[in-house]
Structures are given as C-alpha cells and as structure tokens.
Amino acid sequence: MNSVSIMHRVIEDEIAAVKNVEDRLQVNEKQYNQVIDEILNLKGRLIFTGVGKSGHIGEKLAATFASTGTPSFFMHATEAMHGDLGMVTKDDLVIDISNSGETKEAINPIDPIHRIGARIIGMTGNKESTLAQKSDYLLEVAVNGEADQFNLAPTKSSTAVLVVGDAIALAVSEEKHFTEVQFGMFHPGGALGQRLLKEGLIK
C-alpha cells in the first residue's frame, strides 16, 4: 500500500472518531455541564494526571487550561504515589486520564487524592471501568479501536481526549469572559503578547 494512502486512512479514522465523540455530546450533556460548572466554580487548581500517552495528553491540556485562564498543572500518576501528592489540596479538582480506565498507575492515586479531599474527574473510554466507578465525575470519551493496523497504538483514543479537553477548556474560557488582553498577559513572549505590549494594552 502507498504510504500516503495509509496516512489518508489514519487521518480519516481519527476524524471519524472525533465526529463520533461530537455526536455523543448530547447524550453526555449532563456530564459535561457538571464538569464545566465544577471548573468554573473551582477555588483551587485543575490538576491533570495519567501515564504514557494519556499523560502526554494531560500535560498538553494542563497547558491549554492554564493559558486560557484556569490555573492548572500536570502531575505524573506514578510520581504522585511517591510524594507529588503534596501538590494537591482539598480545593483542587483532578482529571485522571486513562482510556481503559484500568491502568494500575492511573488508578493508584484515586484513594489518596480522595483522602486529601480533592474531587476526581475520570476521563476514560470505559464507563464500566474502575476509574469511572471511583471518580466523582465521569467524562466518557469512547472510540471504536485505534487507527494502527494492530489496534494497539493510542491514536484515535488520545486524539479524541485531546479534542474534548480543548473544547472544555475553551468553553470554560468563554464562560469566564476571558479576554485577549488576559491571554496576552500569560503569553508575554509570544507574538500576541508583544503586540499587546506595543499597543499599550498590557501595562
């Protein structure tokens, strides 16, 4: 098979996965509204955790939320069990990402986080999983397999979580009436920040 044809197939598979998640927004509307309300009323920080590819997606989403007006950071799930739980306070909200919802490293911090008093959003493709059952809130982001030939490499699942996370971040940002000037305040090294500084909009 031509390499570009393979690329076309993978991209089409990932687009279809994201479209399917979008189509299910109405079905899961109550869940999403609950999570958005929790983030909007959050007194502490929004913390993402996970391992592997889910962890990488969590890192990116934490950066997106932070840059659009919601204080956020990433805590590696394994390191959480070895001292990094000290980053978590009772006022925080933790988004734990695991496609299967059964990854041991992602599940281990749940009880300790609850003992601290923080709440947990489970972001998983399996609503029957341990993560889903032990979380305070569930965001089901399910896909029908992965895009690689062995149905193993996180591709469709990680892309879907990334897209849903971005959508939540920007929904929260717009609900907060986050402004261009505020965005520039958090991006002083970027082109937007430099432009706003030159225009005198950032003092």
N, C-alpha and C. Protein backbone atom coordinates (compact mmCIF):
# COMPACT_ATOMS: atom_id res chain seq x y z
N MET A 1 0.85 -1.21 0.00
CA MET A 1 0.00 0.00 0.00
C MET A 1 0.87 1.25 0.00
N ASN A 2 0.49 2.24 -0.76
CA ASN A 2 1.20 3.51 -0.81
C ASN A 2 1.17 4.18 0.56
N SER A 3 2.33 4.72 0.98
CA SER A 3 2.44 5.32 2.32
C SER A 3 1.44 6.45 2.52
N VAL A 4 1.26 7.27 1.49
CA VAL A 4 0.32 8.39 1.61
C VAL A 4 -1.11 7.87 1.77
N SER A 5 -1.41 6.74 1.13
CA SER A 5 -2.74 6.13 1.29
C SER A 5 -2.97 5.70 2.74
N ILE A 6 -1.91 5.19 3.36
CA ILE A 6 -2.01 4.82 4.77
C ILE A 6 -2.28 6.06 5.62
N MET A 7 -1.58 7.14 5.29
CA MET A 7 -1.80 8.39 6.02
C MET A 7 -3.24 8.87 5.89
N HIS A 8 -3.77 8.80 4.66
CA HIS A 8 -5.16 9.18 4.43
C HIS A 8 -6.09 8.34 5.31
N ARG A 9 -5.84 7.03 5.36
CA ARG A 9 -6.70 6.14 6.14
C ARG A 9 -6.67 6.51 7.62
N VAL A 10 -5.47 6.75 8.13
CA VAL A 10 -5.32 7.08 9.56
C VAL A 10 -6.02 8.40 9.88
N ILE A 11 -5.80 9.40 9.05
CA ILE A 11 -6.43 10.71 9.29
C ILE A 11 -7.95 10.59 9.23
N GLU A 12 -8.45 9.84 8.25
CA GLU A 12 -9.89 9.65 8.13
C GLU A 12 -10.46 8.91 9.36
N ASP A 13 -9.70 7.92 9.86
CA ASP A 13 -10.12 7.19 11.05
C ASP A 13 -10.20 8.11 12.26
N GLU A 14 -9.19 8.98 12.39
CA GLU A 14 -9.17 9.88 13.55
C GLU A 14 -10.28 10.93 13.45
N ILE A 15 -10.53 11.43 12.25
CA ILE A 15 -11.63 12.39 12.06
C ILE A 15 -12.96 11.74 12.41
N ALA A 16 -13.14 10.50 11.98
CA ALA A 16 -14.39 9.77 12.27
C ALA A 16 -14.56 9.57 13.77
N ALA A 17 -13.46 9.28 14.47
CA ALA A 17 -13.52 9.08 15.91
C ALA A 17 -13.95 10.36 16.62
N VAL A 18 -13.36 11.47 16.22
CA VAL A 18 -13.72 12.76 16.83
C VAL A 18 -15.17 13.11 16.51
N LYS A 19 -15.62 12.85 15.28
CA LYS A 19 -17.00 13.12 14.90
C LYS A 19 -17.97 12.30 15.74
N ASN A 20 -17.60 11.05 16.00
CA ASN A 20 -18.46 10.19 16.82
C ASN A 20 -18.57 10.73 18.24
N VAL A 21 -17.47 11.22 18.78
CA VAL A 21 -17.49 11.82 20.12
C VAL A 21 -18.37 13.07 20.12
N GLU A 22 -18.24 13.87 19.05
CA GLU A 22 -19.07 15.07 18.94
C GLU A 22 -20.55 14.69 18.89
N ASP A 23 -20.88 13.65 18.13
CA ASP A 23 -22.27 13.23 18.01
C ASP A 23 -22.86 12.79 19.35
N ARG A 24 -21.99 12.34 20.26
CA ARG A 24 -22.46 11.86 21.57
C ARG A 24 -22.48 12.94 22.64
N LEU A 25 -22.15 14.18 22.26
CA LEU A 25 -22.17 15.27 23.23
C LEU A 25 -23.55 15.44 23.86
N GLN A 26 -24.59 15.34 23.04
CA GLN A 26 -25.95 15.50 23.56
C GLN A 26 -26.29 14.39 24.55
N VAL A 27 -25.84 13.16 24.25
CA VAL A 27 -26.10 12.03 25.13
C VAL A 27 -25.44 12.26 26.50
N ASN A 28 -24.23 12.82 26.47
CA ASN A 28 -23.46 13.04 27.70
C ASN A 28 -23.53 14.49 28.18
N GLU A 29 -24.54 15.23 27.73
CA GLU A 29 -24.62 16.67 28.03
C GLU A 29 -24.59 16.95 29.53
N LYS A 30 -25.32 16.17 30.32
CA LYS A 30 -25.37 16.39 31.77
C LYS A 30 -23.99 16.26 32.39
N GLN A 31 -23.24 15.25 31.96
CA GLN A 31 -21.89 15.03 32.49
C GLN A 31 -20.99 16.22 32.17
N TYR A 32 -21.03 16.67 30.93
CA TYR A 32 -20.17 17.77 30.52
C TYR A 32 -20.54 19.06 31.25
N ASN A 33 -21.83 19.33 31.39
CA ASN A 33 -22.26 20.53 32.10
C ASN A 33 -21.83 20.51 33.56
N GLN A 34 -21.90 19.34 34.19
CA GLN A 34 -21.46 19.22 35.58
C GLN A 34 -19.98 19.54 35.70
N VAL A 35 -19.18 18.98 34.81
CA VAL A 35 -17.74 19.20 34.85
C VAL A 35 -17.40 20.66 34.60
N ILE A 36 -18.04 21.26 33.61
CA ILE A 36 -17.77 22.67 33.31
C ILE A 36 -18.16 23.55 34.49
N ASP A 37 -19.29 23.28 35.13
CA ASP A 37 -19.70 24.04 36.31
C ASP A 37 -18.67 23.89 37.44
N GLU A 38 -18.18 22.66 37.63
CA GLU A 38 -17.17 22.42 38.66
C GLU A 38 -15.91 23.24 38.40
N ILE A 39 -15.47 23.28 37.15
CA ILE A 39 -14.26 24.03 36.82
C ILE A 39 -14.50 25.53 36.97
N LEU A 40 -15.67 25.99 36.55
CA LEU A 40 -15.98 27.42 36.66
C LEU A 40 -16.01 27.88 38.11
N ASN A 41 -16.42 27.01 39.01
CA ASN A 41 -16.55 27.37 40.43
C ASN A 41 -15.38 26.88 41.27
N LEU A 42 -14.32 26.46 40.62
CA LEU A 42 -13.18 25.89 41.30
C LEU A 42 -12.42 26.94 42.11
N LYS A 43 -12.18 26.63 43.39
CA LYS A 43 -11.41 27.53 44.25
C LYS A 43 -9.92 27.22 44.19
N GLY A 44 -9.59 25.97 43.90
CA GLY A 44 -8.20 25.57 43.81
C GLY A 44 -7.72 25.52 42.37
N ARG A 45 -6.89 24.53 42.09
CA ARG A 45 -6.31 24.36 40.76
C ARG A 45 -6.89 23.14 40.07
N LEU A 46 -6.82 23.14 38.75
CA LEU A 46 -7.21 21.98 37.96
C LEU A 46 -5.95 21.18 37.68
N ILE A 47 -5.95 19.91 38.12
CA ILE A 47 -4.74 19.08 38.01
C ILE A 47 -5.03 17.90 37.08
N PHE A 48 -4.16 17.70 36.11
CA PHE A 48 -4.28 16.55 35.22
C PHE A 48 -3.28 15.49 35.66
N THR A 49 -3.69 14.22 35.54
CA THR A 49 -2.78 13.14 35.84
C THR A 49 -3.02 11.98 34.88
N GLY A 50 -2.02 11.14 34.74
CA GLY A 50 -2.09 9.99 33.85
C GLY A 50 -0.68 9.50 33.59
N VAL A 51 -0.57 8.43 32.81
CA VAL A 51 0.74 7.90 32.42
C VAL A 51 0.73 7.59 30.93
N GLY A 52 1.91 7.37 30.37
CA GLY A 52 2.01 7.03 28.95
C GLY A 52 1.46 8.13 28.07
N LYS A 53 0.81 7.73 26.97
CA LYS A 53 0.26 8.72 26.03
C LYS A 53 -0.81 9.57 26.70
N SER A 54 -1.59 8.96 27.61
CA SER A 54 -2.61 9.72 28.34
C SER A 54 -1.95 10.82 29.16
N GLY A 55 -0.77 10.52 29.71
CA GLY A 55 -0.04 11.54 30.45
C GLY A 55 0.40 12.68 29.57
N HIS A 56 0.88 12.35 28.37
CA HIS A 56 1.30 13.41 27.44
C HIS A 56 0.11 14.30 27.07
N ILE A 57 -1.05 13.69 26.84
CA ILE A 57 -2.24 14.48 26.54
C ILE A 57 -2.61 15.35 27.74
N GLY A 58 -2.49 14.79 28.95
CA GLY A 58 -2.77 15.56 30.16
C GLY A 58 -1.86 16.77 30.29
N GLU A 59 -0.58 16.59 29.95
CA GLU A 59 0.36 17.72 30.01
C GLU A 59 -0.08 18.84 29.07
N LYS A 60 -0.48 18.45 27.86
CA LYS A 60 -0.90 19.46 26.88
C LYS A 60 -2.16 20.16 27.35
N LEU A 61 -3.12 19.41 27.88
CA LEU A 61 -4.38 20.02 28.32
C LEU A 61 -4.17 20.93 29.51
N ALA A 62 -3.29 20.55 30.43
CA ALA A 62 -2.99 21.42 31.56
C ALA A 62 -2.45 22.76 31.07
N ALA A 63 -1.58 22.71 30.05
CA ALA A 63 -1.02 23.94 29.49
C ALA A 63 -2.10 24.78 28.81
N THR A 64 -3.04 24.11 28.12
CA THR A 64 -4.12 24.84 27.46
C THR A 64 -5.03 25.54 28.47
N PHE A 65 -5.43 24.82 29.51
CA PHE A 65 -6.27 25.43 30.54
C PHE A 65 -5.54 26.60 31.21
N ALA A 66 -4.27 26.40 31.56
CA ALA A 66 -3.52 27.46 32.23
C ALA A 66 -3.43 28.72 31.37
N SER A 67 -3.23 28.54 30.07
CA SER A 67 -3.05 29.68 29.18
C SER A 67 -4.35 30.37 28.82
N THR A 68 -5.48 29.74 29.15
CA THR A 68 -6.78 30.35 28.83
C THR A 68 -7.58 30.70 30.09
N GLY A 69 -6.86 30.87 31.20
CA GLY A 69 -7.49 31.45 32.38
C GLY A 69 -7.85 30.54 33.52
N THR A 70 -7.50 29.25 33.45
CA THR A 70 -7.79 28.32 34.54
C THR A 70 -6.48 27.78 35.10
N PRO A 71 -6.07 28.20 36.31
CA PRO A 71 -4.82 27.70 36.89
C PRO A 71 -4.78 26.18 36.87
N SER A 72 -3.76 25.61 36.24
CA SER A 72 -3.73 24.18 36.01
C SER A 72 -2.30 23.69 35.88
N PHE A 73 -2.07 22.42 36.26
CA PHE A 73 -0.76 21.81 36.04
C PHE A 73 -0.92 20.30 35.91
N PHE A 74 0.17 19.64 35.48
CA PHE A 74 0.16 18.19 35.30
C PHE A 74 0.95 17.52 36.41
N MET A 75 0.42 16.42 36.94
CA MET A 75 1.09 15.61 37.96
C MET A 75 1.17 14.18 37.44
N HIS A 76 2.36 13.67 37.25
CA HIS A 76 2.51 12.30 36.76
C HIS A 76 1.94 11.33 37.78
N ALA A 77 1.12 10.40 37.32
CA ALA A 77 0.41 9.50 38.23
C ALA A 77 1.36 8.64 39.06
N THR A 78 2.46 8.20 38.48
CA THR A 78 3.42 7.39 39.24
C THR A 78 4.13 8.23 40.28
N GLU A 79 4.57 9.42 39.90
CA GLU A 79 5.24 10.30 40.84
C GLU A 79 4.30 10.76 41.96
N ALA A 80 3.01 10.79 41.65
CA ALA A 80 2.03 11.17 42.68
C ALA A 80 2.13 10.26 43.89
N MET A 81 2.37 8.96 43.62
CA MET A 81 2.44 7.98 44.70
C MET A 81 3.76 8.03 45.46
N HIS A 82 4.67 8.89 45.02
CA HIS A 82 5.98 8.98 45.65
C HIS A 82 6.30 10.41 46.07
N GLY A 83 5.26 11.13 46.51
CA GLY A 83 5.48 12.45 47.08
C GLY A 83 4.80 13.60 46.39
N ASP A 84 4.51 13.45 45.07
CA ASP A 84 3.92 14.58 44.35
C ASP A 84 2.48 14.85 44.75
N LEU A 85 1.86 13.95 45.53
CA LEU A 85 0.52 14.24 46.05
C LEU A 85 0.54 15.46 46.97
N GLY A 86 1.73 15.84 47.39
CA GLY A 86 1.86 17.06 48.18
C GLY A 86 1.48 18.31 47.41
N MET A 87 1.37 18.18 46.08
CA MET A 87 0.92 19.31 45.25
C MET A 87 -0.58 19.52 45.35
N VAL A 88 -1.31 18.51 45.81
CA VAL A 88 -2.77 18.52 45.77
C VAL A 88 -3.34 19.05 47.08
N THR A 89 -4.35 19.92 46.97
CA THR A 89 -5.06 20.42 48.15
C THR A 89 -6.53 20.01 48.06
N LYS A 90 -7.24 20.17 49.16
CA LYS A 90 -8.65 19.79 49.21
C LYS A 90 -9.52 20.62 48.27
N ASP A 91 -9.02 21.78 47.85
CA ASP A 91 -9.80 22.65 46.97
C ASP A 91 -9.58 22.37 45.50
N ASP A 92 -8.72 21.41 45.19
CA ASP A 92 -8.37 21.14 43.79
C ASP A 92 -9.33 20.14 43.14
N LEU A 93 -9.28 20.11 41.83
CA LEU A 93 -10.05 19.17 41.02
C LEU A 93 -9.07 18.44 40.12
N VAL A 94 -9.09 17.11 40.16
CA VAL A 94 -8.13 16.30 39.41
C VAL A 94 -8.82 15.59 38.26
N ILE A 95 -8.26 15.73 37.06
CA ILE A 95 -8.74 14.99 35.90
C ILE A 95 -7.76 13.86 35.63
N ASP A 96 -8.22 12.63 35.86
CA ASP A 96 -7.42 11.43 35.72
C ASP A 96 -7.76 10.79 34.37
N ILE A 97 -6.77 10.70 33.48
CA ILE A 97 -7.00 10.21 32.12
C ILE A 97 -6.47 8.79 31.94
N SER A 98 -7.34 7.90 31.51
CA SER A 98 -6.94 6.52 31.16
C SER A 98 -7.98 5.97 30.21
N ASN A 99 -7.58 5.61 29.00
CA ASN A 99 -8.54 5.12 28.02
C ASN A 99 -9.26 3.86 28.52
N SER A 100 -8.49 2.91 29.05
CA SER A 100 -9.10 1.68 29.55
C SER A 100 -9.78 1.87 30.90
N GLY A 101 -9.31 2.84 31.64
CA GLY A 101 -9.83 3.05 32.99
C GLY A 101 -9.35 2.00 33.97
N GLU A 102 -8.42 1.16 33.54
CA GLU A 102 -7.92 0.09 34.39
C GLU A 102 -6.39 0.13 34.56
N THR A 103 -5.75 1.14 33.99
CA THR A 103 -4.30 1.24 34.12
C THR A 103 -3.93 1.43 35.59
N LYS A 104 -3.13 0.51 36.10
CA LYS A 104 -2.82 0.49 37.53
C LYS A 104 -2.28 1.82 38.03
N GLU A 105 -1.33 2.40 37.27
CA GLU A 105 -0.71 3.64 37.72
C GLU A 105 -1.70 4.79 37.78
N ALA A 106 -2.72 4.76 36.93
CA ALA A 106 -3.73 5.83 36.92
C ALA A 106 -4.75 5.65 38.05
N ILE A 107 -4.96 4.40 38.46
CA ILE A 107 -5.95 4.11 39.50
C ILE A 107 -5.37 4.30 40.90
N ASN A 108 -4.09 4.00 41.06
CA ASN A 108 -3.48 4.04 42.39
C ASN A 108 -3.67 5.35 43.15
N PRO A 109 -3.59 6.53 42.49
CA PRO A 109 -3.71 7.78 43.26
C PRO A 109 -5.14 8.15 43.66
N ILE A 110 -6.14 7.42 43.19
CA ILE A 110 -7.53 7.84 43.41
C ILE A 110 -7.87 7.93 44.90
N ASP A 111 -7.64 6.85 45.63
CA ASP A 111 -7.98 6.87 47.07
C ASP A 111 -7.17 7.90 47.84
N PRO A 112 -5.86 8.01 47.61
CA PRO A 112 -5.10 9.05 48.30
C PRO A 112 -5.59 10.47 47.99
N ILE A 113 -5.97 10.71 46.74
CA ILE A 113 -6.49 12.04 46.37
C ILE A 113 -7.79 12.31 47.10
N HIS A 114 -8.65 11.31 47.20
CA HIS A 114 -9.90 11.48 47.94
C HIS A 114 -9.64 11.71 49.43
N ARG A 115 -8.62 11.07 49.98
CA ARG A 115 -8.29 11.29 51.39
C ARG A 115 -7.87 12.73 51.63
N ILE A 116 -7.19 13.31 50.65
CA ILE A 116 -6.81 14.73 50.75
C ILE A 116 -8.05 15.62 50.73
N GLY A 117 -9.08 15.17 50.03
CA GLY A 117 -10.33 15.94 49.96
C GLY A 117 -10.62 16.51 48.60
N ALA A 118 -9.72 16.29 47.63
CA ALA A 118 -9.95 16.78 46.27
C ALA A 118 -10.92 15.85 45.54
N ARG A 119 -11.60 16.40 44.54
CA ARG A 119 -12.52 15.61 43.72
C ARG A 119 -11.83 15.17 42.44
N ILE A 120 -12.36 14.09 41.85
CA ILE A 120 -11.73 13.50 40.68
C ILE A 120 -12.73 13.38 39.53
N ILE A 121 -12.27 13.80 38.35
CA ILE A 121 -13.00 13.55 37.10
C ILE A 121 -12.27 12.43 36.38
N GLY A 122 -12.95 11.35 36.12
CA GLY A 122 -12.36 10.27 35.35
C GLY A 122 -12.63 10.50 33.87
N MET A 123 -11.58 10.56 33.08
CA MET A 123 -11.72 10.76 31.63
C MET A 123 -11.28 9.47 30.96
N THR A 124 -12.24 8.67 30.50
CA THR A 124 -11.95 7.32 30.05
C THR A 124 -12.89 6.89 28.94
N GLY A 125 -12.46 5.87 28.21
CA GLY A 125 -13.31 5.32 27.16
C GLY A 125 -14.18 4.19 27.66
N ASN A 126 -14.05 3.84 28.94
CA ASN A 126 -14.78 2.70 29.50
C ASN A 126 -15.58 3.12 30.73
N LYS A 127 -16.88 3.32 30.55
CA LYS A 127 -17.72 3.80 31.65
C LYS A 127 -17.95 2.76 32.73
N GLU A 128 -17.56 1.51 32.48
CA GLU A 128 -17.69 0.45 33.48
C GLU A 128 -16.39 0.21 34.23
N SER A 129 -15.37 0.98 33.93
CA SER A 129 -14.04 0.74 34.48
C SER A 129 -13.93 1.15 35.94
N THR A 130 -12.83 0.73 36.56
CA THR A 130 -12.54 1.12 37.94
C THR A 130 -12.42 2.63 38.07
N LEU A 131 -11.74 3.25 37.12
CA LEU A 131 -11.60 4.71 37.15
C LEU A 131 -12.96 5.39 37.10
N ALA A 132 -13.82 4.94 36.21
CA ALA A 132 -15.15 5.53 36.08
C ALA A 132 -15.95 5.37 37.37
N GLN A 133 -15.88 4.19 37.97
CA GLN A 133 -16.68 3.91 39.16
C GLN A 133 -16.17 4.64 40.39
N LYS A 134 -14.87 4.91 40.46
CA LYS A 134 -14.30 5.52 41.66
C LYS A 134 -14.18 7.04 41.57
N SER A 135 -14.48 7.60 40.40
CA SER A 135 -14.39 9.05 40.22
C SER A 135 -15.67 9.74 40.68
N ASP A 136 -15.54 11.02 41.02
CA ASP A 136 -16.71 11.80 41.41
C ASP A 136 -17.53 12.19 40.19
N TYR A 137 -16.84 12.38 39.07
CA TYR A 137 -17.49 12.75 37.82
C TYR A 137 -16.88 11.91 36.70
N LEU A 138 -17.68 11.61 35.70
CA LEU A 138 -17.22 10.80 34.58
C LEU A 138 -17.35 11.56 33.27
N LEU A 139 -16.26 11.56 32.51
CA LEU A 139 -16.31 12.03 31.12
C LEU A 139 -15.96 10.82 30.26
N GLU A 140 -16.98 10.25 29.63
CA GLU A 140 -16.76 9.09 28.77
C GLU A 140 -16.37 9.57 27.38
N VAL A 141 -15.15 9.24 26.97
CA VAL A 141 -14.66 9.58 25.63
C VAL A 141 -14.29 8.27 24.95
N ALA A 142 -15.28 7.63 24.34
CA ALA A 142 -15.10 6.30 23.79
C ALA A 142 -14.87 6.32 22.29
N VAL A 143 -13.94 5.47 21.83
CA VAL A 143 -13.69 5.29 20.40
C VAL A 143 -13.74 3.79 20.10
N ASN A 144 -13.98 3.48 18.84
CA ASN A 144 -14.07 2.06 18.45
C ASN A 144 -12.73 1.57 17.91
N GLY A 145 -11.77 1.46 18.82
CA GLY A 145 -10.46 0.97 18.43
C GLY A 145 -9.49 2.08 18.09
N GLU A 146 -8.28 1.68 17.69
CA GLU A 146 -7.23 2.63 17.34
C GLU A 146 -7.00 2.61 15.83
N ALA A 147 -6.16 3.52 15.36
CA ALA A 147 -6.00 3.69 13.91
C ALA A 147 -4.89 2.82 13.31
N ASP A 148 -4.06 2.21 14.16
CA ASP A 148 -2.97 1.42 13.60
C ASP A 148 -3.45 0.02 13.20
N GLN A 149 -2.64 -0.68 12.44
CA GLN A 149 -3.05 -1.97 11.88
C GLN A 149 -3.26 -3.05 12.94
N PHE A 150 -2.65 -2.85 14.13
CA PHE A 150 -2.80 -3.85 15.19
C PHE A 150 -3.84 -3.45 16.23
N ASN A 151 -4.44 -2.26 16.06
CA ASN A 151 -5.41 -1.75 17.03
C ASN A 151 -4.80 -1.68 18.42
N LEU A 152 -3.58 -1.13 18.49
CA LEU A 152 -2.86 -1.08 19.76
C LEU A 152 -2.36 0.32 20.13
N ALA A 153 -1.78 1.02 19.17
CA ALA A 153 -1.14 2.30 19.48
C ALA A 153 -2.18 3.38 19.78
N PRO A 154 -2.09 4.06 20.92
CA PRO A 154 -3.02 5.15 21.22
C PRO A 154 -2.99 6.21 20.13
N THR A 155 -4.05 6.30 19.38
CA THR A 155 -4.15 7.25 18.27
C THR A 155 -5.53 7.91 18.29
N LYS A 156 -6.54 7.15 17.90
CA LYS A 156 -7.90 7.68 17.94
C LYS A 156 -8.31 8.04 19.37
N SER A 157 -7.95 7.21 20.33
CA SER A 157 -8.34 7.47 21.72
C SER A 157 -7.67 8.73 22.26
N SER A 158 -6.38 8.89 22.00
CA SER A 158 -5.68 10.07 22.53
C SER A 158 -6.11 11.35 21.81
N THR A 159 -6.35 11.24 20.50
CA THR A 159 -6.83 12.41 19.75
C THR A 159 -8.20 12.85 20.26
N ALA A 160 -9.08 11.90 20.51
CA ALA A 160 -10.43 12.24 20.99
C ALA A 160 -10.38 12.93 22.34
N VAL A 161 -9.54 12.43 23.25
CA VAL A 161 -9.40 13.06 24.57
C VAL A 161 -8.84 14.47 24.43
N LEU A 162 -7.86 14.63 23.55
CA LEU A 162 -7.28 15.96 23.34
C LEU A 162 -8.32 16.94 22.83
N VAL A 163 -9.11 16.53 21.86
CA VAL A 163 -10.13 17.41 21.28
C VAL A 163 -11.19 17.76 22.32
N VAL A 164 -11.65 16.77 23.07
CA VAL A 164 -12.67 17.03 24.10
C VAL A 164 -12.11 17.96 25.17
N GLY A 165 -10.86 17.71 25.58
CA GLY A 165 -10.24 18.58 26.58
C GLY A 165 -10.10 20.00 26.10
N ASP A 166 -9.68 20.18 24.85
CA ASP A 166 -9.58 21.53 24.29
C ASP A 166 -10.95 22.21 24.27
N ALA A 167 -11.98 21.44 23.89
CA ALA A 167 -13.34 22.01 23.81
C ALA A 167 -13.81 22.47 25.19
N ILE A 168 -13.54 21.67 26.21
CA ILE A 168 -13.93 22.05 27.57
C ILE A 168 -13.16 23.30 28.01
N ALA A 169 -11.87 23.32 27.74
CA ALA A 169 -11.04 24.46 28.13
C ALA A 169 -11.56 25.76 27.53
N LEU A 170 -11.91 25.72 26.25
CA LEU A 170 -12.36 26.95 25.59
C LEU A 170 -13.80 27.30 25.98
N ALA A 171 -14.62 26.29 26.29
CA ALA A 171 -15.96 26.58 26.80
C ALA A 171 -15.86 27.29 28.13
N VAL A 172 -14.98 26.81 29.00
CA VAL A 172 -14.76 27.44 30.31
C VAL A 172 -14.22 28.85 30.13
N SER A 173 -13.26 29.00 29.22
CA SER A 173 -12.66 30.30 28.98
C SER A 173 -13.69 31.32 28.52
N GLU A 174 -14.55 30.91 27.59
CA GLU A 174 -15.58 31.84 27.10
C GLU A 174 -16.61 32.15 28.18
N GLU A 175 -16.97 31.16 28.99
CA GLU A 175 -17.92 31.39 30.08
C GLU A 175 -17.34 32.37 31.10
N LYS A 176 -16.02 32.36 31.25
CA LYS A 176 -15.35 33.29 32.18
C LYS A 176 -15.15 34.67 31.56
N HIS A 177 -15.48 34.80 30.27
CA HIS A 177 -15.27 36.05 29.53
C HIS A 177 -13.77 36.41 29.50
N PHE A 178 -12.95 35.39 29.30
CA PHE A 178 -11.51 35.56 29.20
C PHE A 178 -11.19 36.43 27.99
N THR A 179 -10.36 37.44 28.17
CA THR A 179 -10.12 38.43 27.12
C THR A 179 -8.79 38.22 26.40
N GLU A 180 -8.69 38.89 25.28
CA GLU A 180 -7.45 38.87 24.51
C GLU A 180 -6.30 39.44 25.32
N VAL A 181 -6.58 40.46 26.09
CA VAL A 181 -5.54 41.08 26.93
C VAL A 181 -5.07 40.11 28.00
N GLN A 182 -6.00 39.40 28.62
CA GLN A 182 -5.61 38.40 29.61
C GLN A 182 -4.76 37.30 28.98
N PHE A 183 -5.14 36.89 27.77
CA PHE A 183 -4.36 35.89 27.05
C PHE A 183 -2.94 36.40 26.84
N GLY A 184 -2.82 37.66 26.44
CA GLY A 184 -1.52 38.26 26.23
C GLY A 184 -0.70 38.34 27.49
N MET A 185 -1.35 38.54 28.64
CA MET A 185 -0.65 38.59 29.92
C MET A 185 0.05 37.27 30.21
N PHE A 186 -0.55 36.18 29.78
CA PHE A 186 0.02 34.86 30.02
C PHE A 186 0.98 34.43 28.91
N HIS A 187 1.09 35.24 27.84
CA HIS A 187 1.95 34.91 26.71
C HIS A 187 2.87 36.09 26.36
N PRO A 188 3.59 36.63 27.33
CA PRO A 188 4.40 37.82 27.04
C PRO A 188 5.52 37.58 26.04
N GLY A 189 5.90 36.31 25.86
CA GLY A 189 6.97 36.01 24.92
C GLY A 189 6.47 35.73 23.52
N GLY A 190 5.16 35.63 23.34
CA GLY A 190 4.60 35.31 22.04
C GLY A 190 4.30 36.55 21.22
N ALA A 191 3.94 36.34 19.96
CA ALA A 191 3.66 37.46 19.06
C ALA A 191 2.47 38.28 19.56
N LEU A 192 1.43 37.60 20.09
CA LEU A 192 0.27 38.33 20.59
C LEU A 192 0.65 39.19 21.78
N GLY A 193 1.39 38.62 22.72
CA GLY A 193 1.81 39.39 23.89
C GLY A 193 2.64 40.59 23.51
N GLN A 194 3.56 40.39 22.56
CA GLN A 194 4.39 41.50 22.12
C GLN A 194 3.57 42.59 21.45
N ARG A 195 2.57 42.18 20.66
CA ARG A 195 1.72 43.17 20.00
C ARG A 195 0.92 43.97 21.01
N LEU A 196 0.37 43.29 22.00
CA LEU A 196 -0.43 43.98 23.01
C LEU A 196 0.43 44.91 23.86
N LEU A 197 1.66 44.51 24.12
CA LEU A 197 2.58 45.39 24.85
C LEU A 197 2.86 46.67 24.06
N LYS A 198 3.12 46.48 22.75
CA LYS A 198 3.42 47.63 21.89
C LYS A 198 2.22 48.57 21.78
N GLU A 199 1.03 47.97 21.79
CA GLU A 199 -0.19 48.79 21.68
C GLU A 199 -0.57 49.43 23.02
N GLY A 200 0.17 49.08 24.06
CA GLY A 200 -0.11 49.66 25.37
C GLY A 200 -1.30 49.03 26.09
N LEU A 201 -1.79 47.89 25.60
CA LEU A 201 -2.92 47.23 26.23
C LEU A 201 -2.51 46.41 27.44
N ILE A 202 -1.23 46.06 27.51
CA ILE A 202 -0.69 45.39 28.69
C ILE A 202 0.28 46.35 29.34
N LYS A 203 0.03 46.69 30.56
CA LYS A 203 0.88 47.67 31.29
C LYS A 203 1.99 46.95 32.02
